[in-house]
Amino acid sequence: MRNLTILLLAICSFYACAQSDPDQVLTANDEEPQLSLQEITRNGGFQKKDLKILIDKSAYTLQVFYKDSLLITYPCVFGFNEIDDKHQEGDGCTPEGEFGIRSMYPHKSWSYFIWVDYPNEESWRRFRARRADGTIEDGATIGGEIGIHGVPEGADDLISSRTNWTLGCISLTNKDVTDLYKSINKYTTMEIVP
């Protein structure tokens, strides 16, 4: 009986360590049940301010890292022009570059809204340069209100079908945006790459 107890303790201990390993890649869409980002950060003792978001437009993913360790990957979609960097208001593009978080709040239509710090200084520099070289018209405006948010209730298939439906925002399933929202804070940084 004593040997069985020791064996069970060893198995439980091994399982707990494996689940909190920060080098383990966890994907929100894998068939096996995965830990949420909330559980991963709690188990690992990671501070919200130390997390970094990487959004890869070509891979349709939003990943969260602690230092160099990938914690979780969520599928996501973008503006209706998913390829280009945002040039101006109304172009349907998701901006690229390094950003902070301006604010975070519940949203009546999309679960939560994580307001991306766009336009930032670099966004304004690119906008002015494009206007100066004639890439965009003089009367164009830079736009704003870019964020990470969910989908209308019952529309998770927009994410699984990779339907780029927003005006430039990053959209996750409501379950995933809730998990992300509760795991980060306004000091979390992000990078959006083509």
Protein backbone atom coordinates (compact mmCIF):
# COMPACT_ATOMS: atom_id res chain seq x y z
CA MET A 1 0.00 0.00 0.00
CA ARG A 2 2.84 2.37 0.89
CA ASN A 3 4.52 1.74 -2.51
CA LEU A 4 1.25 2.47 -4.31
CA THR A 5 0.91 5.77 -2.42
CA ILE A 6 4.47 6.77 -3.32
CA LEU A 7 3.86 5.87 -6.98
CA LEU A 8 0.64 7.93 -7.08
CA LEU A 9 2.41 10.91 -5.48
CA ALA A 10 5.21 10.66 -8.04
CA ILE A 11 2.73 10.55 -10.94
CA CYS A 12 0.77 13.52 -9.59
CA SER A 13 3.96 15.46 -9.01
CA PHE A 14 5.18 14.71 -12.54
CA TYR A 15 1.81 15.74 -14.02
CA ALA A 16 1.77 19.03 -12.08
CA CYS A 17 5.31 19.87 -13.25
CA ALA A 18 4.51 19.01 -16.86
CA GLN A 19 1.42 21.22 -16.81
CA SER A 20 3.31 24.23 -15.47
CA ASP A 21 6.32 23.90 -17.78
CA PRO A 22 6.62 27.35 -19.45
CA ASP A 23 8.42 25.81 -22.46
CA GLN A 24 5.41 23.64 -23.27
CA VAL A 25 3.51 24.94 -26.30
CA LEU A 26 -0.20 25.09 -25.59
CA THR A 27 -2.72 25.77 -28.31
CA ALA A 28 -6.29 26.79 -27.60
CA ASN A 29 -7.59 24.65 -30.47
CA ASP A 30 -5.81 21.33 -29.82
CA GLU A 31 -8.09 18.32 -29.38
CA GLU A 32 -6.76 17.48 -25.91
CA PRO A 33 -8.05 19.77 -23.17
CA GLN A 34 -5.46 22.45 -22.57
CA LEU A 35 -4.86 24.78 -19.69
CA SER A 36 -6.21 28.29 -20.10
CA LEU A 37 -3.80 31.22 -20.10
CA GLN A 38 -5.21 32.16 -16.71
CA GLU A 39 -4.22 28.74 -15.33
CA ILE A 40 -0.81 28.83 -17.03
CA THR A 41 0.07 32.26 -15.62
CA ARG A 42 -1.26 31.38 -12.17
CA ASN A 43 0.61 28.03 -12.06
CA GLY A 44 3.81 29.59 -13.39
CA GLY A 45 3.65 32.66 -11.16
CA PHE A 46 3.97 34.93 -14.22
CA GLN A 47 3.22 38.62 -13.79
CA LYS A 48 0.74 40.11 -16.29
CA LYS A 49 3.10 42.99 -17.05
CA ASP A 50 5.83 40.52 -18.09
CA LEU A 51 3.73 38.88 -20.81
CA LYS A 52 4.13 39.77 -24.47
CA ILE A 53 1.61 39.26 -27.25
CA LEU A 54 2.74 38.35 -30.76
CA ILE A 55 0.10 38.61 -33.48
CA ASP A 56 1.10 36.97 -36.77
CA LYS A 57 -1.21 38.05 -39.59
CA SER A 58 0.02 35.44 -42.08
CA ALA A 59 -0.40 32.58 -39.57
CA TYR A 60 -3.74 33.87 -38.20
CA THR A 61 -2.43 33.50 -34.65
CA LEU A 62 -2.19 35.47 -31.45
CA GLN A 63 0.50 34.02 -29.19
CA VAL A 64 1.36 34.96 -25.62
CA PHE A 65 4.94 34.67 -24.38
CA TYR A 66 6.66 34.93 -21.04
CA LYS A 67 10.19 36.00 -21.94
CA ASP A 68 11.12 33.51 -24.71
CA SER A 69 8.64 30.81 -23.66
CA LEU A 70 5.44 30.40 -25.63
CA LEU A 71 2.53 29.99 -23.24
CA ILE A 72 -0.49 29.73 -25.54
CA THR A 73 -1.65 30.23 -29.13
CA TYR A 74 -5.11 31.42 -30.10
CA PRO A 75 -6.50 31.49 -33.66
CA CYS A 76 -7.58 34.97 -34.77
CA VAL A 77 -8.74 37.01 -37.76
CA PHE A 78 -8.21 40.59 -38.90
CA GLY A 79 -9.51 43.48 -40.97
CA PHE A 80 -11.06 42.72 -44.34
CA ASN A 81 -7.72 43.66 -45.97
CA GLU A 82 -5.60 41.24 -43.94
CA ILE A 83 -2.43 41.60 -46.02
CA ASP A 84 -1.38 45.25 -45.88
CA ASP A 85 -0.22 47.44 -43.03
CA LYS A 86 -2.76 50.08 -42.02
CA HIS A 87 -2.23 53.25 -44.07
CA GLN A 88 -5.35 55.24 -43.24
CA GLU A 89 -8.83 55.18 -41.78
CA GLY A 90 -11.23 52.97 -43.71
CA ASP A 91 -8.65 50.81 -45.52
CA GLY A 92 -9.67 47.66 -43.59
CA CYS A 93 -6.07 46.90 -42.64
CA THR A 94 -4.73 45.78 -39.28
CA PRO A 95 -1.72 47.91 -38.26
CA GLU A 96 1.74 46.37 -37.94
CA GLY A 97 4.46 47.23 -35.45
CA GLU A 98 5.01 47.37 -31.72
CA PHE A 99 2.17 48.59 -29.55
CA GLY A 100 1.03 48.95 -25.99
CA ILE A 101 -2.45 48.70 -24.53
CA ARG A 102 -4.37 51.94 -24.14
CA SER A 103 -7.32 50.56 -22.17
CA MET A 104 -9.30 47.36 -21.50
CA TYR A 105 -13.02 47.04 -20.87
CA PRO A 106 -16.06 44.76 -21.28
CA HIS A 107 -17.88 45.24 -24.60
CA LYS A 108 -21.60 44.66 -25.13
CA SER A 109 -21.17 43.26 -28.68
CA TRP A 110 -17.80 41.46 -28.56
CA SER A 111 -17.31 40.23 -24.98
CA TYR A 112 -14.22 42.35 -24.21
CA PHE A 113 -12.22 45.09 -25.92
CA ILE A 114 -8.45 45.42 -25.50
CA TRP A 115 -7.71 48.82 -27.01
CA VAL A 116 -4.42 48.77 -28.94
CA ASP A 117 -2.24 51.88 -28.67
CA TYR A 118 -2.77 52.80 -32.34
CA PRO A 119 -1.86 55.28 -33.62
CA ASN A 120 1.39 55.56 -31.72
CA GLU A 121 4.47 57.65 -32.58
CA GLU A 122 5.71 55.18 -35.21
CA SER A 123 2.24 54.94 -36.77
CA TRP A 124 2.12 58.72 -37.10
CA ARG A 125 5.63 58.79 -38.63
CA ARG A 126 4.62 56.24 -41.30
CA PHE A 127 1.33 58.05 -41.96
CA ARG A 128 3.04 61.42 -42.48
CA ALA A 129 5.68 59.85 -44.74
CA ARG A 130 2.99 58.14 -46.88
CA ARG A 131 1.05 61.37 -47.15
CA ALA A 132 4.22 63.29 -48.10
CA ASP A 133 5.18 60.80 -50.84
CA GLY A 134 1.64 60.69 -52.25
CA THR A 135 0.88 57.08 -51.23
CA ILE A 136 -2.23 58.41 -49.50
CA GLU A 137 -4.23 61.56 -50.21
CA ASP A 138 -3.82 64.79 -48.26
CA GLY A 139 -7.32 64.62 -46.77
CA ALA A 140 -6.86 61.08 -45.40
CA THR A 141 -7.04 60.48 -41.65
CA ILE A 142 -5.00 57.93 -39.73
CA GLY A 143 -7.90 56.16 -37.97
CA GLY A 144 -7.96 54.60 -34.53
CA GLU A 145 -10.07 52.47 -32.21
CA ILE A 146 -8.08 49.35 -33.13
CA GLY A 147 -8.43 46.58 -30.59
CA ILE A 148 -8.50 42.91 -29.78
CA HIS A 149 -12.05 41.70 -29.26
CA GLY A 150 -14.43 38.77 -29.57
CA VAL A 151 -17.18 38.05 -32.09
CA PRO A 152 -20.93 38.63 -32.09
CA GLU A 153 -22.69 35.98 -29.95
CA GLY A 154 -22.75 32.61 -31.74
CA ALA A 155 -20.29 33.66 -34.47
CA ASP A 156 -17.17 31.71 -33.42
CA ASP A 157 -17.15 30.21 -36.92
CA LEU A 158 -15.80 33.56 -38.16
CA ILE A 159 -12.54 32.58 -36.44
CA SER A 160 -12.42 28.89 -37.42
CA SER A 161 -13.20 29.75 -41.07
CA ARG A 162 -10.60 32.57 -41.09
CA THR A 163 -13.15 35.15 -42.16
CA ASN A 164 -11.48 38.56 -41.91
CA TRP A 165 -14.55 40.56 -40.93
CA THR A 166 -13.35 43.53 -38.86
CA LEU A 167 -12.45 47.06 -39.97
CA GLY A 168 -8.87 46.52 -38.75
CA CYS A 169 -9.20 44.96 -35.32
CA ILE A 170 -7.95 41.54 -34.20
CA SER A 171 -10.81 39.16 -33.40
CA LEU A 172 -10.77 36.00 -31.26
CA THR A 173 -13.54 33.67 -30.13
CA ASN A 174 -15.35 35.06 -27.10
CA LYS A 175 -13.92 32.27 -24.93
CA ASP A 176 -10.36 33.08 -26.02
CA VAL A 177 -10.68 36.86 -25.70
CA THR A 178 -12.11 36.37 -22.20
CA ASP A 179 -9.13 34.19 -21.26
CA LEU A 180 -6.68 36.72 -22.73
CA TYR A 181 -8.42 39.70 -21.13
CA LYS A 182 -8.31 38.14 -17.66
CA SER A 183 -4.63 37.17 -18.05
CA ILE A 184 -3.04 40.47 -19.14
CA ASN A 185 -3.09 44.11 -18.08
CA LYS A 186 -2.39 47.53 -19.63
CA TYR A 187 1.37 47.00 -19.20
CA THR A 188 1.41 43.93 -21.46
CA THR A 189 3.13 44.76 -24.77
CA MET A 190 2.37 43.44 -28.24
CA GLU A 191 3.84 43.16 -31.70
CA ILE A 192 1.83 42.70 -34.88
CA VAL A 193 3.78 41.21 -37.79
CA PRO A 194 2.78 40.66 -41.47
